[in-house]
C-alpha atoms as a PDB file:
ATOM      1  CA  MET A   1      89.936 -18.927  77.948  1.00  0.00           C
ATOM      2  CA  TRP A   2      86.535 -20.586  78.396  1.00  0.00           C
ATOM      3  CA  MET A   3      83.733 -19.759  75.957  1.00  0.00           C
ATOM      4  CA  VAL A   4      79.971 -20.261  76.220  1.00  0.00           C
ATOM      5  CA  VAL A   5      78.683 -22.649  73.551  1.00  0.00           C
ATOM      6  CA  TYR A   6      75.148 -23.273  74.836  1.00  0.00           C
ATOM      7  CA  ILE A   7      72.693 -21.792  77.336  1.00  0.00           C
ATOM      8  CA  ALA A   8      70.170 -24.189  78.872  1.00  0.00           C
ATOM      9  CA  GLN A   9      67.072 -23.246  80.854  1.00  0.00           C
ATOM     10  CA  ALA A  10      67.039 -26.397  82.965  1.00  0.00           C
ATOM     11  CA  LYS A  11      69.742 -28.243  84.870  1.00  0.00           C
ATOM     12  CA  GLU A  12      68.766 -31.550  83.247  1.00  0.00           C
ATOM     13  CA  THR A  13      69.326 -30.117  79.759  1.00  0.00           C
ATOM     14  CA  ALA A  14      72.655 -28.599  80.789  1.00  0.00           C
ATOM     15  CA  GLU A  15      73.824 -31.937  82.179  1.00  0.00           C
ATOM     16  CA  ARG A  16      72.687 -33.795  79.046  1.00  0.00           C
ATOM     17  CA  ILE A  17      74.563 -31.411  76.705  1.00  0.00           C
ATOM     18  CA  SER A  18      77.584 -31.501  78.999  1.00  0.00           C
ATOM     19  CA  ALA A  19      77.602 -35.309  78.910  1.00  0.00           C
ATOM     20  CA  LEU A  20      77.459 -35.310  75.097  1.00  0.00           C
ATOM     21  CA  LEU A  21      80.446 -32.985  74.925  1.00  0.00           C
ATOM     22  CA  ARG A  22      82.431 -35.030  77.448  1.00  0.00           C
ATOM     23  CA  GLU A  23      81.699 -38.228  75.493  1.00  0.00           C
ATOM     24  CA  ALA A  24      83.194 -36.462  72.463  1.00  0.00           C
ATOM     25  CA  GLY A  25      86.376 -35.885  74.486  1.00  0.00           C
ATOM     26  CA  LEU A  26      85.895 -32.186  75.197  1.00  0.00           C
ATOM     27  CA  LEU A  27      86.531 -30.341  78.457  1.00  0.00           C
ATOM     28  CA  VAL A  28      83.288 -28.870  79.820  1.00  0.00           C
ATOM     29  CA  LYS A  29      82.150 -26.571  82.623  1.00  0.00           C
ATOM     30  CA  ILE A  30      78.609 -25.658  83.661  1.00  0.00           C
ATOM     31  CA  ARG A  31      78.021 -22.222  85.175  1.00  0.00           C
ATOM     32  CA  VAL A  32      74.771 -21.000  86.755  1.00  0.00           C
ATOM     33  CA  THR A  33      74.099 -17.456  85.552  1.00  0.00           C
ATOM     34  CA  ASN A  34      71.387 -16.354  87.969  1.00  0.00           C
ATOM     35  CA  GLN A  35      72.269 -16.805  91.619  1.00  0.00           C
ATOM     36  CA  GLY A  36      68.631 -16.960  92.736  1.00  0.00           C
ATOM     37  CA  ALA A  37      67.917 -19.969  90.530  1.00  0.00           C
ATOM     38  CA  GLN A  38      66.510 -23.118  92.000  1.00  0.00           C
ATOM     39  CA  ASP A  39      68.437 -26.327  91.575  1.00  0.00           C
ATOM     40  CA  GLN A  40      66.446 -27.472  88.548  1.00  0.00           C
ATOM     41  CA  TYR A  41      65.497 -24.267  86.710  1.00  0.00           C
ATOM     42  CA  GLY A  42      67.378 -21.139  85.730  1.00  0.00           C
ATOM     43  CA  CYS A  43      70.013 -20.337  83.142  1.00  0.00           C
ATOM     44  CA  PHE A  44      72.987 -22.656  82.880  1.00  0.00           C
ATOM     45  CA  GLU A  45      75.893 -21.830  80.580  1.00  0.00           C
ATOM     46  CA  ILE A  46      77.867 -24.648  78.986  1.00  0.00           C
ATOM     47  CA  LEU A  47      81.498 -23.604  78.541  1.00  0.00           C
ATOM     48  CA  VAL A  48      84.420 -25.181  76.693  1.00  0.00           C
ATOM     49  CA  PRO A  49      87.996 -24.016  76.065  1.00  0.00           C
ATOM     50  CA  GLU A  50      88.231 -21.538  73.192  1.00  0.00           C
ATOM     51  CA  SER A  51      90.217 -24.032  71.104  1.00  0.00           C
ATOM     52  CA  GLU A  52      87.323 -26.538  71.260  1.00  0.00           C
ATOM     53  CA  VAL A  53      84.417 -24.231  70.374  1.00  0.00           C
ATOM     54  CA  ASP A  54      84.046 -25.436  66.769  1.00  0.00           C
ATOM     55  CA  ASP A  55      84.088 -29.093  67.822  1.00  0.00           C
ATOM     56  CA  ALA A  56      81.562 -28.391  70.584  1.00  0.00           C
ATOM     57  CA  HIS A  57      79.185 -26.657  68.182  1.00  0.00           C
ATOM     58  CA  THR A  58      79.431 -29.602  65.788  1.00  0.00           C
ATOM     59  CA  VAL A  59      78.582 -32.083  68.568  1.00  0.00           C
ATOM     60  CA  ILE A  60      75.637 -29.978  69.758  1.00  0.00           C
ATOM     61  CA  ILE A  61      74.220 -29.474  66.268  1.00  0.00           C
ATOM     62  CA  ASP A  62      74.499 -33.182  65.448  1.00  0.00           C
ATOM     63  CA  ALA A  63      72.764 -34.106  68.725  1.00  0.00           C
ATOM     64  CA  LEU A  64      69.883 -31.676  68.349  1.00  0.00           C
END
């Protein structure tokens, strides 16, 4: 099951967080939550497998 670990308000931020998680060896998906969003702005959920949630949170906290 995939779990949301971060919600970004810009595509650039979502891609940056996603890249950090991938560099740490985690599987990552980005999902747009509002269908009317433009390409750059809106809400983007960062998801990882449930088994990797703790590792993902650690990576995000260390990066921010």
